[in-house]
Structure formats: structure tokens, C-alpha cells
Amino acid sequence: MCHLILFTPVFALPVFWFFPLNTALPIYISILAISGFLYFKVFQAMRLEVRTGQEAMLGKEGLVVEDIAPEGKVQYASETWDAMAEGKRFLKGEKVKISGFQRMRLLVEERPVEQDTLGKRTGNTQATSPDPVCGMKVSKASSNLVATHKGTRYYFCAAGCQTAFRKNPDKYLKPRGPFSRLLARLAKSNEKAFGRAGPSCH
């Protein structure tokens, strides 16, 4: 049936028998234009590389459903796969890129373009990220203090910031002005210098 569509210009020739030339010609030209568009789309489809099964998953995004360190599980579409990342750790809720296969196990890596904690898109996965608690810049490459909230990964300068964030993430994700950030950094410096109790008089 599909192949018959390719012969539409031939099947349309009888319009010249049933209609005058000034009526039949515009109709036939319209049919030719539609047929030309269909030929173009068929030609495009024939040139596409056939990708099925695992090949179709390469380069796609998966959702981490079990921490990968370095092995865990990733969900792609409606299926859950065993996954492994070389030299990387991904937490539950993060999105990763499927880069290859090792038997029936996915090989995953960090997405080349990610959503950072400020809501800006960046392709530099080795950049710094602000600690959402104190505002200090933290290196993404070297920090082991991380937490994931609603699919976004946050980095921390100290275990205290990480613990405070996990207890109440929404408190620290509210937009803060420069004065509020300055007070937070001063409080953090004071805590490092004197402890949680603060300075004492003698």
C-alpha cells in the first residue's frame, strides 16, 4: 500500500480527461508538489542510520535510582539497568549520560551540560559551585561532600554545612541578598575560629 503512494502522479493523470485543462493543470501541479514532498521524506528516512536496542540508548540520559560508587542502578525509559562509572560517584536522583555497555551493564558518565546550583546551564563540569549554606566556592572536582535535592547536586565546604542542608534544604535554597550571604559567611568564619559556642570572655 505504501509503495502505491509513490505512483500518485501517474494515478492522477485521468484528471485531464474529466476536467478542462485550466482546471486540471492546477490540480495536477498540486498533486506533483505533494508527491515531491513525500519522495523527499522517504529519501531522508532511507539515509538515516538504523539504530535499535542498545545502540539507540547511546548518548541518552538515565536517572540514577541507586547510588553509583562505582556500581549502582540507572533507570532508562521504564527499565532499570545495572550501571558502572569509572572514577565517578553519582547519587540517587542525578541524571547521567549513557556512554557505552559492558555486557548487560551500562557505562555512564557525567552529562556534558548540566544544571548548576544557580539555575544556569554550564558545560564546565570541573567548575566551582557555591555552598548553599555559607556561600563559599567549592571545587566540584575535589569535593566529596555532596547532597542531591530534587535532581540537583550541591557541594559543601564542610560536613557541618552538608548536615545543615540535609536537615532543611528549602531553608538554604531560598534566594538571598548579598547582605544575607555576607552574614552567613561571617557566621561560618566565627564558628571555625571559636567553635559553635562563639568567643568567651576571661
C-alpha atoms as a PDB file:
ATOM      1  CA  MET A   1       0.000   0.000   0.000  1.00  0.00           C
ATOM      2  CA  CYS A   2       2.818   2.431   0.893  1.00  0.00           C
ATOM      3  CA  HIS A   3       4.507   1.859  -2.455  1.00  0.00           C
ATOM      4  CA  LEU A   4       1.328   2.863  -4.313  1.00  0.00           C
ATOM      5  CA  ILE A   5       1.706   6.397  -2.893  1.00  0.00           C
ATOM      6  CA  LEU A   6       4.877   6.773  -4.967  1.00  0.00           C
ATOM      7  CA  PHE A   7       2.808   6.342  -8.148  1.00  0.00           C
ATOM      8  CA  THR A   8       0.339   9.096  -7.229  1.00  0.00           C
ATOM      9  CA  PRO A   9       1.403  11.350 -10.165  1.00  0.00           C
ATOM     10  CA  VAL A  10       0.582   8.514 -12.590  1.00  0.00           C
ATOM     11  CA  PHE A  11      -2.756   7.762 -10.961  1.00  0.00           C
ATOM     12  CA  ALA A  12      -3.626  11.476 -11.077  1.00  0.00           C
ATOM     13  CA  LEU A  13      -3.298  11.750 -14.900  1.00  0.00           C
ATOM     14  CA  PRO A  14      -7.005  10.996 -15.521  1.00  0.00           C
ATOM     15  CA  VAL A  15      -7.874  14.448 -14.119  1.00  0.00           C
ATOM     16  CA  PHE A  16      -7.063  15.735 -17.618  1.00  0.00           C
ATOM     17  CA  TRP A  17      -9.840  13.515 -19.032  1.00  0.00           C
ATOM     18  CA  PHE A  18     -12.519  14.662 -16.598  1.00  0.00           C
ATOM     19  CA  PHE A  19     -11.725  18.377 -16.286  1.00  0.00           C
ATOM     20  CA  PRO A  20     -10.821  21.194 -18.683  1.00  0.00           C
ATOM     21  CA  LEU A  21      -7.108  21.975 -18.979  1.00  0.00           C
ATOM     22  CA  ASN A  22      -7.318  25.219 -16.986  1.00  0.00           C
ATOM     23  CA  THR A  23      -8.882  23.278 -14.083  1.00  0.00           C
ATOM     24  CA  ALA A  24      -6.949  20.019 -14.331  1.00  0.00           C
ATOM     25  CA  LEU A  25      -3.500  21.615 -14.568  1.00  0.00           C
ATOM     26  CA  PRO A  26      -3.561  23.348 -11.119  1.00  0.00           C
ATOM     27  CA  ILE A  27      -4.918  20.153  -9.545  1.00  0.00           C
ATOM     28  CA  TYR A  28      -2.166  18.056 -11.112  1.00  0.00           C
ATOM     29  CA  ILE A  29       0.561  20.548 -10.119  1.00  0.00           C
ATOM     30  CA  SER A  30      -0.674  20.388  -6.504  1.00  0.00           C
ATOM     31  CA  ILE A  31      -0.529  16.592  -6.624  1.00  0.00           C
ATOM     32  CA  LEU A  32       3.020  16.744  -8.011  1.00  0.00           C
ATOM     33  CA  ALA A  33       4.093  19.109  -5.199  1.00  0.00           C
ATOM     34  CA  ILE A  34       2.662  16.802  -2.516  1.00  0.00           C
ATOM     35  CA  SER A  35       4.279  13.784  -4.167  1.00  0.00           C
ATOM     36  CA  GLY A  36       7.640  15.583  -4.322  1.00  0.00           C
ATOM     37  CA  PHE A  37       7.458  16.312  -0.595  1.00  0.00           C
ATOM     38  CA  LEU A  38       6.651  12.649   0.141  1.00  0.00           C
ATOM     39  CA  TYR A  39       9.570  11.496  -2.043  1.00  0.00           C
ATOM     40  CA  PHE A  40      11.897  13.836  -0.130  1.00  0.00           C
ATOM     41  CA  LYS A  41      10.783  12.489   3.276  1.00  0.00           C
ATOM     42  CA  VAL A  42      11.137   8.882   2.106  1.00  0.00           C
ATOM     43  CA  PHE A  43      14.639   9.620   0.814  1.00  0.00           C
ATOM     44  CA  GLN A  44      15.574  11.207   4.173  1.00  0.00           C
ATOM     45  CA  ALA A  45      14.288   8.181   6.082  1.00  0.00           C
ATOM     46  CA  MET A  46      16.263   5.801   3.870  1.00  0.00           C
ATOM     47  CA  ARG A  47      19.512   7.675   4.620  1.00  0.00           C
ATOM     48  CA  LEU A  48      19.093   7.518   8.398  1.00  0.00           C
ATOM     49  CA  GLU A  49      21.319   5.102  10.269  1.00  0.00           C
ATOM     50  CA  VAL A  50      19.321   2.225  11.684  1.00  0.00           C
ATOM     51  CA  ARG A  51      19.736   2.107  15.457  1.00  0.00           C
ATOM     52  CA  THR A  52      17.896  -0.433  17.564  1.00  0.00           C
ATOM     53  CA  GLY A  53      18.209  -1.965  21.017  1.00  0.00           C
ATOM     54  CA  GLN A  54      21.290  -0.906  22.969  1.00  0.00           C
ATOM     55  CA  GLU A  55      22.635   1.271  20.147  1.00  0.00           C
ATOM     56  CA  ALA A  56      19.603   3.549  20.465  1.00  0.00           C
ATOM     57  CA  MET A  57      20.485   4.205  24.130  1.00  0.00           C
ATOM     58  CA  LEU A  58      23.963   5.616  23.476  1.00  0.00           C
ATOM     59  CA  GLY A  59      24.170   9.287  24.377  1.00  0.00           C
ATOM     60  CA  LYS A  60      20.769   9.291  26.073  1.00  0.00           C
ATOM     61  CA  GLU A  61      20.105  10.324  29.682  1.00  0.00           C
ATOM     62  CA  GLY A  62      19.295   7.951  32.501  1.00  0.00           C
ATOM     63  CA  LEU A  63      18.171   8.535  36.081  1.00  0.00           C
ATOM     64  CA  VAL A  64      20.226   7.137  38.967  1.00  0.00           C
ATOM     65  CA  VAL A  65      17.909   5.084  41.180  1.00  0.00           C
ATOM     66  CA  GLU A  66      20.671   3.560  43.322  1.00  0.00           C
ATOM     67  CA  ASP A  67      23.920   5.350  44.190  1.00  0.00           C
ATOM     68  CA  ILE A  68      26.752   4.564  41.739  1.00  0.00           C
ATOM     69  CA  ALA A  69      30.061   4.223  43.604  1.00  0.00           C
ATOM     70  CA  PRO A  70      31.302   2.918  41.204  1.00  0.00           C
ATOM     71  CA  GLU A  71      28.391   0.490  40.624  1.00  0.00           C
ATOM     72  CA  GLY A  72      24.692   1.096  41.049  1.00  0.00           C
ATOM     73  CA  LYS A  73      21.462   1.204  39.084  1.00  0.00           C
ATOM     74  CA  VAL A  74      20.094   3.538  36.402  1.00  0.00           C
ATOM     75  CA  GLN A  75      16.576   3.833  35.040  1.00  0.00           C
ATOM     76  CA  TYR A  76      16.151   4.412  31.323  1.00  0.00           C
ATOM     77  CA  ALA A  77      12.614   4.683  29.953  1.00  0.00           C
ATOM     78  CA  SER A  78      10.730   2.132  32.064  1.00  0.00           C
ATOM     79  CA  GLU A  79      13.649  -0.267  32.577  1.00  0.00           C
ATOM     80  CA  THR A  80      16.201  -0.440  35.391  1.00  0.00           C
ATOM     81  CA  TRP A  81      19.776  -1.363  34.446  1.00  0.00           C
ATOM     82  CA  ASP A  82      22.925  -2.198  36.362  1.00  0.00           C
ATOM     83  CA  ALA A  83      25.367   0.646  35.784  1.00  0.00           C
ATOM     84  CA  MET A  84      29.006   1.495  36.390  1.00  0.00           C
ATOM     85  CA  ALA A  85      31.016   4.741  36.282  1.00  0.00           C
ATOM     86  CA  GLU A  86      34.790   4.832  36.131  1.00  0.00           C
ATOM     87  CA  GLY A  87      36.300   7.194  38.696  1.00  0.00           C
ATOM     88  CA  LYS A  88      32.992   8.935  39.358  1.00  0.00           C
ATOM     89  CA  ARG A  89      30.303   8.797  42.003  1.00  0.00           C
ATOM     90  CA  PHE A  90      26.662   9.602  41.282  1.00  0.00           C
ATOM     91  CA  LEU A  91      23.910   9.863  43.864  1.00  0.00           C
ATOM     92  CA  LYS A  92      20.311   8.718  43.639  1.00  0.00           C
ATOM     93  CA  GLY A  93      18.213  11.269  41.763  1.00  0.00           C
ATOM     94  CA  GLU A  94      21.001  12.521  39.489  1.00  0.00           C
ATOM     95  CA  LYS A  95      20.878  12.285  35.709  1.00  0.00           C
ATOM     96  CA  VAL A  96      23.744  10.677  33.801  1.00  0.00           C
ATOM     97  CA  LYS A  97      24.713  10.099  30.186  1.00  0.00           C
ATOM     98  CA  ILE A  98      24.859   6.544  28.825  1.00  0.00           C
ATOM     99  CA  SER A  99      28.263   6.238  27.167  1.00  0.00           C
ATOM    100  CA  GLY A 100      28.609   2.501  26.487  1.00  0.00           C
ATOM    101  CA  PHE A 101      27.940  -1.073  27.530  1.00  0.00           C
ATOM    102  CA  GLN A 102      29.806  -3.832  29.309  1.00  0.00           C
ATOM    103  CA  ARG A 103      27.851  -6.993  28.623  1.00  0.00           C
ATOM    104  CA  MET A 104      24.421  -6.234  30.144  1.00  0.00           C
ATOM    105  CA  ARG A 105      25.691  -3.323  32.247  1.00  0.00           C
ATOM    106  CA  LEU A 106      25.514   0.347  31.297  1.00  0.00           C
ATOM    107  CA  LEU A 107      28.612   2.550  31.375  1.00  0.00           C
ATOM    108  CA  VAL A 108      27.644   6.057  32.423  1.00  0.00           C
ATOM    109  CA  GLU A 109      29.347   9.424  32.744  1.00  0.00           C
ATOM    110  CA  GLU A 110      28.550  12.965  33.809  1.00  0.00           C
ATOM    111  CA  ARG A 111      26.352  14.902  31.420  1.00  0.00           C
ATOM    112  CA  PRO A 112      28.357  17.364  29.280  1.00  0.00           C
ATOM    113  CA  VAL A 113      25.805  20.089  30.030  1.00  0.00           C
ATOM    114  CA  GLU A 114      24.339  20.176  33.494  1.00  0.00           C
ATOM    115  CA  GLN A 115      22.094  22.381  35.582  1.00  0.00           C
ATOM    116  CA  ASP A 116      24.214  24.016  38.251  1.00  0.00           C
ATOM    117  CA  THR A 117      23.021  25.183  41.653  1.00  0.00           C
ATOM    118  CA  LEU A 118      22.377  28.744  40.413  1.00  0.00           C
ATOM    119  CA  GLY A 119      19.998  27.529  37.698  1.00  0.00           C
ATOM    120  CA  LYS A 120      22.432  28.418  34.887  1.00  0.00           C
ATOM    121  CA  ARG A 121      23.455  25.920  32.215  1.00  0.00           C
ATOM    122  CA  THR A 122      27.173  25.221  32.027  1.00  0.00           C
ATOM    123  CA  GLY A 123      29.338  22.784  30.132  1.00  0.00           C
ATOM    124  CA  ASN A 124      32.286  23.064  32.514  1.00  0.00           C
ATOM    125  CA  THR A 125      31.938  20.088  34.834  1.00  0.00           C
ATOM    126  CA  GLN A 126      35.176  20.992  36.688  1.00  0.00           C
ATOM    127  CA  ALA A 127      33.954  24.456  37.760  1.00  0.00           C
ATOM    128  CA  THR A 128      33.250  25.659  41.276  1.00  0.00           C
ATOM    129  CA  SER A 129      29.844  25.727  42.898  1.00  0.00           C
ATOM    130  CA  PRO A 130      28.669  27.856  45.825  1.00  0.00           C
ATOM    131  CA  ASP A 131      27.999  26.083  49.111  1.00  0.00           C
ATOM    132  CA  PRO A 132      24.226  26.705  49.542  1.00  0.00           C
ATOM    133  CA  VAL A 133      24.662  27.092  53.322  1.00  0.00           C
ATOM    134  CA  CYS A 134      27.597  29.513  53.653  1.00  0.00           C
ATOM    135  CA  GLY A 135      28.091  30.694  50.073  1.00  0.00           C
ATOM    136  CA  MET A 136      31.748  29.607  49.883  1.00  0.00           C
ATOM    137  CA  LYS A 137      33.014  28.488  46.462  1.00  0.00           C
ATOM    138  CA  VAL A 138      33.665  24.721  46.365  1.00  0.00           C
ATOM    139  CA  SER A 139      35.519  22.780  43.669  1.00  0.00           C
ATOM    140  CA  LYS A 140      33.244  20.186  42.086  1.00  0.00           C
ATOM    141  CA  ALA A 141      36.207  18.026  41.120  1.00  0.00           C
ATOM    142  CA  SER A 142      37.737  17.696  44.590  1.00  0.00           C
ATOM    143  CA  SER A 143      34.777  17.924  46.982  1.00  0.00           C
ATOM    144  CA  ASN A 144      33.460  14.679  48.473  1.00  0.00           C
ATOM    145  CA  LEU A 145      30.766  16.481  50.480  1.00  0.00           C
ATOM    146  CA  VAL A 146      27.721  16.400  48.230  1.00  0.00           C
ATOM    147  CA  ALA A 147      23.948  16.130  48.524  1.00  0.00           C
ATOM    148  CA  THR A 148      21.218  15.808  45.912  1.00  0.00           C
ATOM    149  CA  HIS A 149      17.899  17.612  46.224  1.00  0.00           C
ATOM    150  CA  LYS A 150      15.161  17.387  43.567  1.00  0.00           C
ATOM    151  CA  GLY A 151      17.633  16.105  40.979  1.00  0.00           C
ATOM    152  CA  THR A 152      20.260  18.826  41.514  1.00  0.00           C
ATOM    153  CA  ARG A 153      23.657  18.141  43.067  1.00  0.00           C
ATOM    154  CA  TYR A 154      25.031  20.532  45.721  1.00  0.00           C
ATOM    155  CA  TYR A 155      28.602  20.761  47.014  1.00  0.00           C
ATOM    156  CA  PHE A 156      29.760  21.740  50.518  1.00  0.00           C
ATOM    157  CA  CYS A 157      32.904  23.120  52.089  1.00  0.00           C
ATOM    158  CA  ALA A 158      32.463  21.282  55.408  1.00  0.00           C
ATOM    159  CA  ALA A 159      30.473  18.439  56.934  1.00  0.00           C
ATOM    160  CA  GLY A 160      28.541  20.918  59.105  1.00  0.00           C
ATOM    161  CA  CYS A 161      27.143  22.675  56.033  1.00  0.00           C
ATOM    162  CA  GLN A 162      26.206  19.361  54.471  1.00  0.00           C
ATOM    163  CA  THR A 163      24.375  18.209  57.609  1.00  0.00           C
ATOM    164  CA  ALA A 164      22.513  21.510  57.963  1.00  0.00           C
ATOM    165  CA  PHE A 165      21.414  21.385  54.327  1.00  0.00           C
ATOM    166  CA  ARG A 166      20.137  17.812  54.562  1.00  0.00           C
ATOM    167  CA  LYS A 167      18.015  18.704  57.588  1.00  0.00           C
ATOM    168  CA  ASN A 168      16.241  21.574  55.813  1.00  0.00           C
ATOM    169  CA  PRO A 169      17.204  22.046  52.134  1.00  0.00           C
ATOM    170  CA  ASP A 170      14.449  24.546  51.335  1.00  0.00           C
ATOM    171  CA  LYS A 171      15.741  26.918  54.001  1.00  0.00           C
ATOM    172  CA  TYR A 172      19.035  27.363  52.146  1.00  0.00           C
ATOM    173  CA  LEU A 173      17.672  27.334  48.616  1.00  0.00           C
ATOM    174  CA  LYS A 174      15.595  30.481  49.044  1.00  0.00           C
ATOM    175  CA  PRO A 175      17.077  33.472  47.165  1.00  0.00           C
ATOM    176  CA  ARG A 176      19.279  35.550  49.468  1.00  0.00           C
ATOM    177  CA  GLY A 177      20.640  39.046  49.009  1.00  0.00           C
ATOM    178  CA  PRO A 178      24.328  39.999  49.301  1.00  0.00           C
ATOM    179  CA  PHE A 179      23.903  41.148  52.917  1.00  0.00           C
ATOM    180  CA  SER A 180      22.404  37.796  53.964  1.00  0.00           C
ATOM    181  CA  ARG A 181      25.222  35.918  52.240  1.00  0.00           C
ATOM    182  CA  LEU A 182      27.808  38.111  53.980  1.00  0.00           C
ATOM    183  CA  LEU A 183      26.285  37.404  57.391  1.00  0.00           C
ATOM    184  CA  ALA A 184      26.283  33.668  56.656  1.00  0.00           C
ATOM    185  CA  ARG A 185      29.968  33.733  55.724  1.00  0.00           C
ATOM    186  CA  LEU A 186      30.854  35.748  58.825  1.00  0.00           C
ATOM    187  CA  ALA A 187      28.963  33.273  60.992  1.00  0.00           C
ATOM    188  CA  LYS A 188      30.815  30.405  59.314  1.00  0.00           C
ATOM    189  CA  SER A 189      34.209  32.065  59.907  1.00  0.00           C
ATOM    190  CA  ASN A 190      33.284  32.739  63.539  1.00  0.00           C
ATOM    191  CA  GLU A 191      32.308  29.094  64.040  1.00  0.00           C
ATOM    192  CA  LYS A 192      35.605  27.866  62.564  1.00  0.00           C
ATOM    193  CA  ALA A 193      37.614  30.234  64.779  1.00  0.00           C
ATOM    194  CA  PHE A 194      35.761  29.855  68.088  1.00  0.00           C
ATOM    195  CA  GLY A 195      33.505  26.814  67.755  1.00  0.00           C
ATOM    196  CA  ARG A 196      29.718  26.736  67.923  1.00  0.00           C
ATOM    197  CA  ALA A 197      29.688  28.389  71.372  1.00  0.00           C
ATOM    198  CA  GLY A 198      31.463  31.503  69.989  1.00  0.00           C
ATOM    199  CA  PRO A 199      34.176  33.557  71.711  1.00  0.00           C
ATOM    200  CA  SER A 200      34.233  33.594  75.520  1.00  0.00           C
ATOM    201  CA  CYS A 201      35.380  36.370  77.884  1.00  0.00           C
ATOM    202  CA  HIS A 202      38.010  35.693  80.587  1.00  0.00           C
END
